[in-house]
Amino acid sequence: MKIATFNINGIKARAEALPNWLDSAQPDVVLLQEIKSVDEAFPRDLFEERGYNVETHGQKGFNGVAILSKLPLEDVSRGLPGDESDEQARWIEATVVGKQALRVCGLYLPNGNPVELAEDGSPVPGGKYDYKLRWMERLRTRAAELLAAEEPALMAGDYNIIPQAEDAKRPEAWREDALFRPESRAAFRRILNLGFTEAFRARVQGPGHYSFWDYQAGAWNRNDGIRIDHFLLTPQAADLMRDCGIDKEVRGRHKPSDHVPVWVELDI
């Protein structure tokens, strides 16, 4: 089974590029982020005619996540637990029903910029960076629940986290950014250290591997990228992993997103 995550930066803008990639890559399951569409306006026909079941958790003009699956989806859940007042559409999960069930969780983690800090260095309550870190603590709680189930499961999407310096072409440019600040990276490690496998780094080592290139300043042409789209696998899913990769070439196609797909193959 090939599962991919792809921040498409607007379904309307990617109405040609996304189907073209699906036709060439042929993933079985896709977790989409930043669909930037309410559920009713999402172009389901584009994907249903390609054999995908479609589940969305949309929001007008911002955020929004979705699951496309060639296999049946059951027990769909929308919204990250832990804060009923949070109306941002950043989390969707479902069970993919194949020869063996797989719980897939698609996420669009908050960016967190601008970083607003109090005099003692703590995030200003109610600020965007505070929201990011609080969201990540809720994510850690849900991650622990997935591990406790002792079943194949994964959490994948745009984490808006640069885990290590080697995951950026110019790490010095990101030192004070919410994506690379020590608090952000520590929160990511607390989740990972619960017992997850970060799929890409389990297969590929070293610098120069990125999943995002800004539209500005010729970042793509200079390969000035960062790696912020990740797969975290439970031990039961990690045991099934065959491969993991980044479809870098998609960034050079017509009307691309600023992200590219990342994928894993599981023997399931």
Protein backbone atom coordinates (compact mmCIF):
# COMPACT_ATOMS: atom_id res chain seq x y z
CA MET A 1 0.00 0.00 0.00
CA LYS A 2 1.36 3.39 -1.01
CA ILE A 3 0.33 6.26 1.26
CA ALA A 4 1.23 9.86 0.49
CA THR A 5 0.95 13.22 2.20
CA PHE A 6 0.69 16.39 0.15
CA ASN A 7 0.11 20.00 1.18
CA ILE A 8 -1.53 21.27 -2.01
CA ASN A 9 -1.86 24.94 -0.98
CA GLY A 10 -5.37 25.33 -2.34
CA ILE A 11 -7.49 22.77 -4.18
CA LYS A 12 -8.69 25.30 -6.75
CA ALA A 13 -5.13 26.29 -7.63
CA ARG A 14 -4.10 22.63 -7.90
CA ALA A 15 -7.14 21.37 -9.84
CA GLU A 16 -4.84 20.32 -12.71
CA ALA A 17 -1.56 19.54 -10.94
CA LEU A 18 -3.03 17.26 -8.26
CA PRO A 19 -4.93 14.91 -10.61
CA ASN A 20 -1.88 14.76 -12.90
CA TRP A 21 0.30 13.66 -9.99
CA LEU A 22 -2.29 11.09 -8.87
CA ASP A 23 -2.38 9.60 -12.36
CA SER A 24 1.40 9.23 -12.48
CA ALA A 25 2.17 8.26 -8.87
CA GLN A 26 -0.90 6.04 -8.27
CA PRO A 27 -1.00 6.23 -4.47
CA ASP A 28 -3.58 4.12 -2.69
CA VAL A 29 -4.17 6.68 0.06
CA VAL A 30 -3.47 10.42 0.08
CA LEU A 31 -3.59 12.79 3.03
CA LEU A 32 -4.09 16.35 1.80
CA GLN A 33 -3.48 19.60 3.65
CA GLU A 34 -4.44 23.21 2.98
CA ILE A 35 -7.34 22.36 0.72
CA LYS A 36 -8.67 25.87 1.53
CA SER A 37 -12.23 24.86 0.77
CA VAL A 38 -15.45 24.15 2.61
CA ASP A 39 -16.57 20.54 2.34
CA GLU A 40 -19.44 21.35 -0.03
CA ALA A 41 -17.12 23.06 -2.54
CA PHE A 42 -14.45 20.37 -2.64
CA PRO A 43 -14.31 18.89 -6.19
CA ARG A 44 -15.02 15.29 -5.19
CA ASP A 45 -15.73 14.20 -8.77
CA LEU A 46 -12.08 14.76 -9.76
CA PHE A 47 -11.08 12.00 -7.37
CA GLU A 48 -14.10 9.73 -7.27
CA GLU A 49 -13.79 9.21 -11.02
CA ARG A 50 -10.24 7.97 -10.33
CA GLY A 51 -11.53 5.41 -7.85
CA TYR A 52 -10.94 7.31 -4.62
CA ASN A 53 -13.23 7.54 -1.63
CA VAL A 54 -13.17 11.12 -0.36
CA GLU A 55 -13.43 12.47 3.18
CA THR A 56 -12.84 16.14 3.96
CA HIS A 57 -12.62 18.48 6.93
CA GLY A 58 -12.77 21.86 5.27
CA GLN A 59 -12.67 25.52 6.19
CA LYS A 60 -13.39 28.54 4.02
CA GLY A 61 -10.22 30.05 2.58
CA PHE A 62 -7.82 28.56 5.13
CA ASN A 63 -6.43 25.26 6.38
CA GLY A 64 -8.54 22.19 5.58
CA VAL A 65 -7.52 18.54 5.37
CA ALA A 66 -8.77 15.55 3.40
CA ILE A 67 -8.28 11.84 2.83
CA LEU A 68 -8.43 10.15 -0.57
CA SER A 69 -8.46 6.35 -0.49
CA LYS A 70 -8.93 3.63 -3.08
CA LEU A 71 -9.84 1.34 -0.19
CA PRO A 72 -12.88 1.73 2.06
CA LEU A 73 -12.67 4.22 4.93
CA GLU A 74 -14.31 3.60 8.27
CA ASP A 75 -14.62 5.41 11.61
CA VAL A 76 -13.80 8.85 10.20
CA SER A 77 -13.05 11.49 12.83
CA ARG A 78 -12.52 15.22 12.31
CA GLY A 79 -10.73 17.66 14.58
CA LEU A 80 -7.85 17.02 16.99
CA PRO A 81 -9.25 16.12 20.42
CA GLY A 82 -8.48 18.20 23.48
CA ASP A 83 -9.99 21.62 22.76
CA GLU A 84 -13.61 21.86 21.70
CA SER A 85 -13.22 25.61 21.11
CA ASP A 86 -10.64 25.06 18.36
CA GLU A 87 -12.44 25.62 15.07
CA GLN A 88 -9.43 25.36 12.76
CA ALA A 89 -9.67 22.42 10.34
CA ARG A 90 -6.28 20.76 10.84
CA TRP A 91 -6.91 17.09 11.64
CA ILE A 92 -8.72 14.14 10.08
CA GLU A 93 -8.35 10.44 10.72
CA ALA A 94 -9.90 7.21 9.50
CA THR A 95 -9.30 3.48 9.29
CA VAL A 96 -8.28 2.20 5.86
CA VAL A 97 -9.81 -1.23 5.41
CA GLY A 98 -7.62 -3.61 3.42
CA LYS A 99 -6.14 -7.03 4.13
CA GLN A 100 -5.15 -5.44 7.43
CA ALA A 101 -6.66 -2.32 9.00
CA LEU A 102 -4.51 0.82 9.12
CA ARG A 103 -5.39 3.95 11.10
CA VAL A 104 -4.31 7.04 9.15
CA CYS A 105 -4.21 10.52 10.67
CA GLY A 106 -3.74 13.54 8.41
CA LEU A 107 -2.58 16.75 10.03
CA TYR A 108 -1.76 20.35 9.23
CA LEU A 109 0.17 21.55 12.24
CA PRO A 110 0.01 25.31 12.99
CA ASN A 111 2.82 27.44 11.56
CA GLY A 112 3.26 29.48 14.73
CA ASN A 113 4.62 32.69 13.27
CA PRO A 114 5.04 35.38 14.34
CA VAL A 115 6.76 34.15 17.49
CA GLU A 116 5.55 36.31 20.36
CA LEU A 117 7.45 35.83 23.63
CA ALA A 118 6.99 37.35 27.09
CA GLU A 119 9.90 38.85 29.01
CA ASP A 120 10.62 35.48 30.63
CA GLY A 121 10.89 33.85 27.19
CA SER A 122 7.60 31.99 27.36
CA PRO A 123 5.08 32.21 24.51
CA VAL A 124 2.53 34.98 24.89
CA PRO A 125 -0.82 33.35 25.79
CA GLY A 126 -3.25 33.47 22.90
CA GLY A 127 -0.52 34.15 20.35
CA LYS A 128 0.15 32.03 17.27
CA TYR A 129 3.26 30.42 18.74
CA ASP A 130 1.41 29.58 21.94
CA TYR A 131 -1.33 27.99 19.81
CA LYS A 132 1.24 25.91 17.95
CA LEU A 133 2.81 24.51 21.11
CA ARG A 134 -0.56 23.85 22.75
CA TRP A 135 -1.72 22.07 19.58
CA MET A 136 1.41 19.92 19.68
CA GLU A 137 0.68 18.93 23.26
CA ARG A 138 -2.79 17.81 22.20
CA LEU A 139 -1.12 15.91 19.34
CA ARG A 140 1.16 14.15 21.84
CA THR A 141 -1.88 13.00 23.80
CA ARG A 142 -3.53 11.58 20.68
CA ALA A 143 -0.22 10.00 19.62
CA ALA A 144 0.04 8.19 22.95
CA GLU A 145 -3.48 6.81 22.44
CA LEU A 146 -2.52 5.47 19.01
CA LEU A 147 0.49 3.71 20.51
CA ALA A 148 -1.60 2.24 23.31
CA ALA A 149 -3.88 0.60 20.73
CA GLU A 150 -0.88 -1.47 19.53
CA GLU A 151 -2.13 -1.46 15.94
CA PRO A 152 -0.69 -0.23 12.63
CA ALA A 153 -1.20 3.53 12.55
CA LEU A 154 0.48 6.64 11.21
CA MET A 155 0.32 10.39 11.58
CA ALA A 156 1.34 12.25 8.45
CA GLY A 157 1.15 15.72 7.00
CA ASP A 158 2.66 19.17 7.11
CA TYR A 159 4.15 19.35 10.60
CA ASN A 160 5.64 22.82 10.08
CA ILE A 161 8.68 21.51 11.98
CA ILE A 162 12.28 21.40 10.75
CA PRO A 163 13.55 18.56 12.97
CA GLN A 164 17.31 19.04 12.51
CA ALA A 165 19.72 21.52 10.94
CA GLU A 166 20.34 19.10 8.07
CA ASP A 167 16.66 19.45 7.14
CA ALA A 168 17.23 23.01 5.89
CA LYS A 169 19.53 24.30 3.17
CA ARG A 170 20.27 27.39 5.31
CA PRO A 171 19.45 26.49 8.92
CA GLU A 172 20.85 29.79 10.17
CA ALA A 173 18.04 31.62 8.36
CA TRP A 174 15.45 29.73 10.43
CA ARG A 175 16.93 30.07 13.93
CA GLU A 176 14.17 32.33 15.30
CA ASP A 177 11.38 30.95 13.13
CA ALA A 178 8.57 28.98 14.76
CA LEU A 179 9.42 26.03 12.52
CA PHE A 180 12.92 25.67 13.96
CA ARG A 181 12.88 27.23 17.41
CA PRO A 182 14.10 24.86 20.16
CA GLU A 183 10.67 24.72 21.80
CA SER A 184 9.09 23.52 18.55
CA ARG A 185 11.73 20.90 17.91
CA ALA A 186 11.58 19.69 21.50
CA ALA A 187 7.80 19.28 21.25
CA PHE A 188 8.29 17.24 18.07
CA ARG A 189 10.90 15.03 19.78
CA ARG A 190 8.57 14.43 22.74
CA ILE A 191 6.05 12.98 20.31
CA LEU A 192 8.63 10.99 18.35
CA ASN A 193 10.22 9.62 21.52
CA LEU A 194 6.94 8.08 22.64
CA GLY A 195 7.88 5.26 20.31
CA PHE A 196 7.24 6.43 16.74
CA THR A 197 9.46 5.92 13.71
CA GLU A 198 10.08 8.97 11.50
CA ALA A 199 9.75 7.11 8.22
CA PHE A 200 11.97 9.18 5.94
CA ARG A 201 14.95 9.29 8.31
CA ALA A 202 14.60 5.56 8.91
CA ARG A 203 15.39 5.09 5.21
CA VAL A 204 17.46 8.10 4.11
CA GLN A 205 20.26 9.89 5.94
CA GLY A 206 22.15 13.11 5.32
CA PRO A 207 21.36 16.66 4.19
CA GLY A 208 19.81 17.93 0.97
CA HIS A 209 16.37 16.32 1.23
CA TYR A 210 13.51 18.82 1.29
CA SER A 211 9.72 18.87 0.88
CA PHE A 212 9.07 22.64 0.73
CA TRP A 213 10.53 25.49 -1.32
CA ASP A 214 9.20 29.02 -0.96
CA TYR A 215 7.75 30.70 -4.05
CA GLN A 216 9.94 33.75 -3.38
CA ALA A 217 13.58 34.57 -4.15
CA GLY A 218 14.18 31.68 -6.52
CA ALA A 219 14.22 29.15 -3.69
CA TRP A 220 13.36 26.22 -5.97
CA ASN A 221 16.03 27.04 -8.53
CA ARG A 222 18.62 27.31 -5.74
CA ASN A 223 17.30 24.20 -3.96
CA ASP A 224 16.86 26.42 -0.90
CA GLY A 225 14.37 24.14 0.80
CA ILE A 226 13.31 22.67 4.11
CA ARG A 227 11.88 19.28 5.13
CA ILE A 228 8.68 19.81 7.10
CA ASP A 229 6.33 17.07 5.81
CA HIS A 230 6.69 13.90 7.85
CA PHE A 231 5.35 10.40 8.49
CA LEU A 232 5.38 9.11 12.06
CA LEU A 233 4.66 5.38 12.27
CA THR A 234 3.65 3.25 15.24
CA PRO A 235 5.92 0.20 15.76
CA GLN A 236 3.30 -2.03 14.15
CA ALA A 237 3.27 0.18 11.03
CA ALA A 238 7.06 0.63 11.01
CA ASP A 239 7.47 -3.15 10.88
CA LEU A 240 5.53 -3.10 7.61
CA MET A 241 7.48 -0.29 5.92
CA ARG A 242 9.09 -1.13 2.61
CA ASP A 243 10.21 2.31 1.46
CA CYS A 244 9.76 6.05 1.86
CA GLY A 245 10.54 8.90 -0.51
CA ILE A 246 9.93 12.47 -1.62
CA ASP A 247 8.55 13.27 -5.09
CA LYS A 248 10.81 16.30 -5.51
CA GLU A 249 10.27 16.64 -9.25
CA VAL A 250 6.63 17.65 -8.71
CA ARG A 251 7.84 21.08 -7.57
CA GLY A 252 9.14 21.80 -11.07
CA ARG A 253 5.86 21.08 -12.84
CA HIS A 254 3.17 23.48 -14.05
CA LYS A 255 1.48 25.54 -11.29
CA PRO A 256 3.02 23.58 -8.41
CA SER A 257 2.32 23.80 -4.72
CA ASP A 258 5.21 25.05 -2.59
CA HIS A 259 5.24 21.54 -1.04
CA VAL A 260 5.78 18.20 -2.77
CA PRO A 261 4.36 14.77 -1.93
CA VAL A 262 6.08 12.52 0.58
CA TRP A 263 5.13 8.84 0.55
CA VAL A 264 5.60 5.52 2.31
CA GLU A 265 5.00 2.00 1.11
CA LEU A 266 3.70 -0.49 3.65
CA ASP A 267 3.39 -4.26 3.23
CA ILE A 268 -0.26 -4.23 4.12
